[in-house]
N, C-alpha and C. Protein backbone atom coordinates (compact mmCIF):
# COMPACT_ATOMS: atom_id res chain seq x y z
N MET A 1 17.18 -18.81 -43.70
CA MET A 1 17.43 -19.92 -42.80
C MET A 1 17.60 -19.43 -41.36
N ASP A 2 18.14 -18.23 -41.21
CA ASP A 2 18.31 -17.68 -39.88
C ASP A 2 16.96 -17.46 -39.20
N GLU A 3 15.97 -17.00 -39.97
CA GLU A 3 14.64 -16.79 -39.40
C GLU A 3 14.07 -18.09 -38.86
N GLN A 4 14.25 -19.17 -39.58
CA GLN A 4 13.72 -20.45 -39.15
C GLN A 4 14.40 -20.89 -37.86
N ASN A 5 15.71 -20.73 -37.75
CA ASN A 5 16.42 -21.10 -36.53
C ASN A 5 15.96 -20.25 -35.35
N GLU A 6 15.70 -18.96 -35.59
CA GLU A 6 15.25 -18.07 -34.54
C GLU A 6 13.89 -18.53 -34.00
N SER A 7 12.98 -18.92 -34.88
CA SER A 7 11.64 -19.29 -34.43
C SER A 7 11.61 -20.67 -33.79
N THR A 8 12.54 -21.54 -34.12
CA THR A 8 12.52 -22.88 -33.52
C THR A 8 13.23 -22.90 -32.18
N LYS A 9 14.06 -21.91 -31.87
CA LYS A 9 14.75 -21.90 -30.58
C LYS A 9 13.74 -21.81 -29.45
N SER A 10 12.95 -20.76 -29.44
CA SER A 10 11.94 -20.60 -28.41
C SER A 10 11.02 -19.46 -28.78
N ASP A 11 9.73 -19.72 -28.73
CA ASP A 11 8.75 -18.67 -28.98
C ASP A 11 8.39 -17.97 -27.67
N CYS A 12 8.83 -18.52 -26.56
CA CYS A 12 8.52 -17.97 -25.25
C CYS A 12 9.49 -16.85 -24.91
N PHE A 13 8.96 -15.79 -24.31
CA PHE A 13 9.77 -14.64 -23.92
C PHE A 13 10.82 -15.04 -22.89
N CYS A 14 10.48 -15.94 -21.98
CA CYS A 14 11.40 -16.30 -20.89
C CYS A 14 12.45 -17.33 -21.32
N HIS A 15 12.35 -17.86 -22.53
CA HIS A 15 13.29 -18.85 -23.07
C HIS A 15 13.46 -20.05 -22.13
N GLY A 16 12.37 -20.48 -21.53
CA GLY A 16 12.39 -21.68 -20.70
C GLY A 16 12.74 -21.42 -19.25
N ALA A 17 12.92 -20.17 -18.85
CA ALA A 17 13.28 -19.88 -17.47
C ALA A 17 12.11 -20.15 -16.52
N GLY A 18 10.89 -20.00 -16.99
CA GLY A 18 9.71 -20.23 -16.15
C GLY A 18 9.65 -21.62 -15.56
N PRO A 19 9.73 -22.66 -16.38
CA PRO A 19 9.71 -24.02 -15.83
C PRO A 19 10.90 -24.30 -14.90
N ARG A 20 12.07 -23.75 -15.21
CA ARG A 20 13.23 -23.96 -14.33
C ARG A 20 13.01 -23.27 -12.99
N PHE A 21 12.45 -22.06 -13.02
CA PHE A 21 12.17 -21.35 -11.79
C PHE A 21 11.13 -22.11 -10.95
N THR A 22 10.10 -22.60 -11.61
CA THR A 22 9.06 -23.35 -10.90
C THR A 22 9.66 -24.58 -10.23
N HIS A 23 10.52 -25.28 -10.93
CA HIS A 23 11.17 -26.47 -10.36
C HIS A 23 12.00 -26.09 -9.12
N LYS A 24 12.78 -25.00 -9.21
CA LYS A 24 13.59 -24.56 -8.08
C LYS A 24 12.72 -24.09 -6.93
N ALA A 25 11.64 -23.39 -7.23
CA ALA A 25 10.75 -22.88 -6.19
C ALA A 25 10.12 -24.00 -5.39
N ARG A 26 9.87 -25.13 -6.03
CA ARG A 26 9.27 -26.27 -5.33
C ARG A 26 10.24 -26.92 -4.35
N GLU A 27 11.54 -26.66 -4.53
CA GLU A 27 12.53 -27.21 -3.61
C GLU A 27 12.56 -26.47 -2.28
N PHE A 28 12.07 -25.22 -2.25
CA PHE A 28 12.06 -24.44 -1.03
C PHE A 28 10.97 -24.95 -0.09
N ASP A 29 11.13 -24.65 1.19
CA ASP A 29 10.12 -25.00 2.19
C ASP A 29 8.92 -24.08 1.98
N PRO A 30 7.78 -24.62 1.53
CA PRO A 30 6.64 -23.76 1.21
C PRO A 30 6.11 -22.97 2.40
N SER A 31 6.23 -23.53 3.60
CA SER A 31 5.71 -22.80 4.76
C SER A 31 6.54 -21.56 5.04
N LYS A 32 7.87 -21.67 4.94
CA LYS A 32 8.72 -20.51 5.19
C LYS A 32 8.60 -19.50 4.06
N THR A 33 8.52 -19.97 2.83
CA THR A 33 8.38 -19.06 1.70
C THR A 33 7.06 -18.31 1.78
N GLY A 34 5.99 -19.02 2.07
CA GLY A 34 4.68 -18.40 2.20
C GLY A 34 4.64 -17.39 3.34
N GLU A 35 5.29 -17.75 4.45
CA GLU A 35 5.35 -16.84 5.60
C GLU A 35 6.09 -15.55 5.24
N HIS A 36 7.17 -15.69 4.49
CA HIS A 36 7.94 -14.52 4.07
C HIS A 36 7.10 -13.59 3.19
N PHE A 37 6.43 -14.15 2.19
CA PHE A 37 5.62 -13.32 1.29
C PHE A 37 4.43 -12.72 2.01
N ARG A 38 3.85 -13.44 2.95
CA ARG A 38 2.73 -12.91 3.73
C ARG A 38 3.20 -11.72 4.57
N SER A 39 4.37 -11.86 5.20
CA SER A 39 4.93 -10.76 6.00
C SER A 39 5.25 -9.56 5.12
N ALA A 40 5.77 -9.81 3.93
CA ALA A 40 6.07 -8.72 3.01
C ALA A 40 4.79 -7.99 2.60
N ALA A 41 3.73 -8.73 2.36
CA ALA A 41 2.45 -8.11 1.99
C ALA A 41 1.92 -7.24 3.13
N VAL A 42 2.06 -7.72 4.37
CA VAL A 42 1.62 -6.94 5.52
C VAL A 42 2.41 -5.63 5.60
N GLU A 43 3.72 -5.69 5.35
CA GLU A 43 4.55 -4.49 5.40
C GLU A 43 4.16 -3.49 4.31
N VAL A 44 3.81 -3.98 3.14
CA VAL A 44 3.35 -3.09 2.06
C VAL A 44 2.05 -2.40 2.48
N LEU A 45 1.13 -3.15 3.05
CA LEU A 45 -0.13 -2.56 3.49
C LEU A 45 0.09 -1.54 4.60
N LYS A 46 1.03 -1.82 5.50
CA LYS A 46 1.35 -0.84 6.55
C LYS A 46 1.90 0.44 5.94
N GLY A 47 2.67 0.31 4.89
CA GLY A 47 3.19 1.49 4.19
C GLY A 47 2.07 2.32 3.60
N PHE A 48 1.10 1.65 2.97
CA PHE A 48 -0.06 2.36 2.42
C PHE A 48 -0.84 3.05 3.53
N ARG A 49 -0.98 2.37 4.67
CA ARG A 49 -1.70 2.95 5.80
C ARG A 49 -1.01 4.23 6.28
N THR A 50 0.32 4.19 6.34
CA THR A 50 1.07 5.37 6.76
C THR A 50 0.86 6.53 5.79
N ILE A 51 0.88 6.23 4.50
CA ILE A 51 0.64 7.28 3.50
C ILE A 51 -0.76 7.87 3.67
N LEU A 52 -1.75 7.01 3.85
CA LEU A 52 -3.13 7.49 4.03
C LEU A 52 -3.28 8.30 5.31
N ASP A 53 -2.67 7.82 6.41
CA ASP A 53 -2.75 8.55 7.68
C ASP A 53 -2.12 9.94 7.56
N THR A 54 -1.00 10.02 6.86
CA THR A 54 -0.34 11.31 6.67
C THR A 54 -1.24 12.25 5.87
N GLY A 55 -1.88 11.74 4.84
CA GLY A 55 -2.80 12.55 4.03
C GLY A 55 -4.00 13.01 4.83
N ILE A 56 -4.54 12.12 5.65
CA ILE A 56 -5.70 12.48 6.49
C ILE A 56 -5.31 13.55 7.50
N ASP A 57 -4.13 13.39 8.14
CA ASP A 57 -3.66 14.40 9.09
C ASP A 57 -3.48 15.76 8.42
N TYR A 58 -2.93 15.75 7.22
CA TYR A 58 -2.70 16.99 6.49
C TYR A 58 -4.02 17.70 6.19
N LEU A 59 -5.01 16.93 5.74
CA LEU A 59 -6.30 17.52 5.38
C LEU A 59 -7.13 17.89 6.61
N SER A 60 -6.86 17.28 7.74
CA SER A 60 -7.65 17.51 8.95
C SER A 60 -7.10 18.64 9.81
N ARG A 61 -5.94 19.16 9.49
CA ARG A 61 -5.36 20.24 10.30
C ARG A 61 -6.28 21.43 10.33
N SER A 62 -6.46 21.97 11.55
CA SER A 62 -7.26 23.19 11.66
C SER A 62 -6.34 24.39 11.45
N GLY A 63 -6.94 25.45 11.09
CA GLY A 63 -6.16 26.65 10.85
C GLY A 63 -6.71 27.38 9.64
N ALA A 64 -6.06 28.46 9.35
CA ALA A 64 -6.51 29.28 8.23
C ALA A 64 -6.30 28.52 6.93
N ARG A 65 -7.35 28.43 6.16
CA ARG A 65 -7.27 27.74 4.89
C ARG A 65 -7.28 28.72 3.73
N GLY A 66 -7.38 29.97 4.05
CA GLY A 66 -7.40 30.98 2.98
C GLY A 66 -7.48 32.36 3.61
N THR A 67 -7.83 33.31 2.83
CA THR A 67 -7.94 34.66 3.33
C THR A 67 -9.41 35.05 3.43
N THR A 68 -9.67 35.94 4.38
CA THR A 68 -11.04 36.42 4.57
C THR A 68 -11.22 37.70 3.77
N VAL A 69 -12.31 37.77 3.05
CA VAL A 69 -12.60 38.95 2.23
C VAL A 69 -13.91 39.54 2.74
N ASN A 70 -13.87 40.81 3.14
CA ASN A 70 -15.09 41.49 3.58
C ASN A 70 -15.86 41.97 2.35
N VAL A 71 -17.14 41.65 2.33
CA VAL A 71 -18.00 42.06 1.23
C VAL A 71 -18.90 43.16 1.73
N GLU A 72 -18.92 44.28 1.02
CA GLU A 72 -19.77 45.42 1.44
C GLU A 72 -21.06 45.43 0.69
């Protein structure tokens, strides 16, 4: 009987939190929420750009990359 009660409670992993979250999210001002997420996405991309620029600078450095071996 316990198995039957377990399966009838909720088969969804979120136990109904998804629809409640969606309802609450619709109460927010969509323009401000969208602006916030757009700004966050831009900041993430800037972070990736910084990582790439650092890698490019590291690989582009001039200087000795190894040792010279004289072959006779």
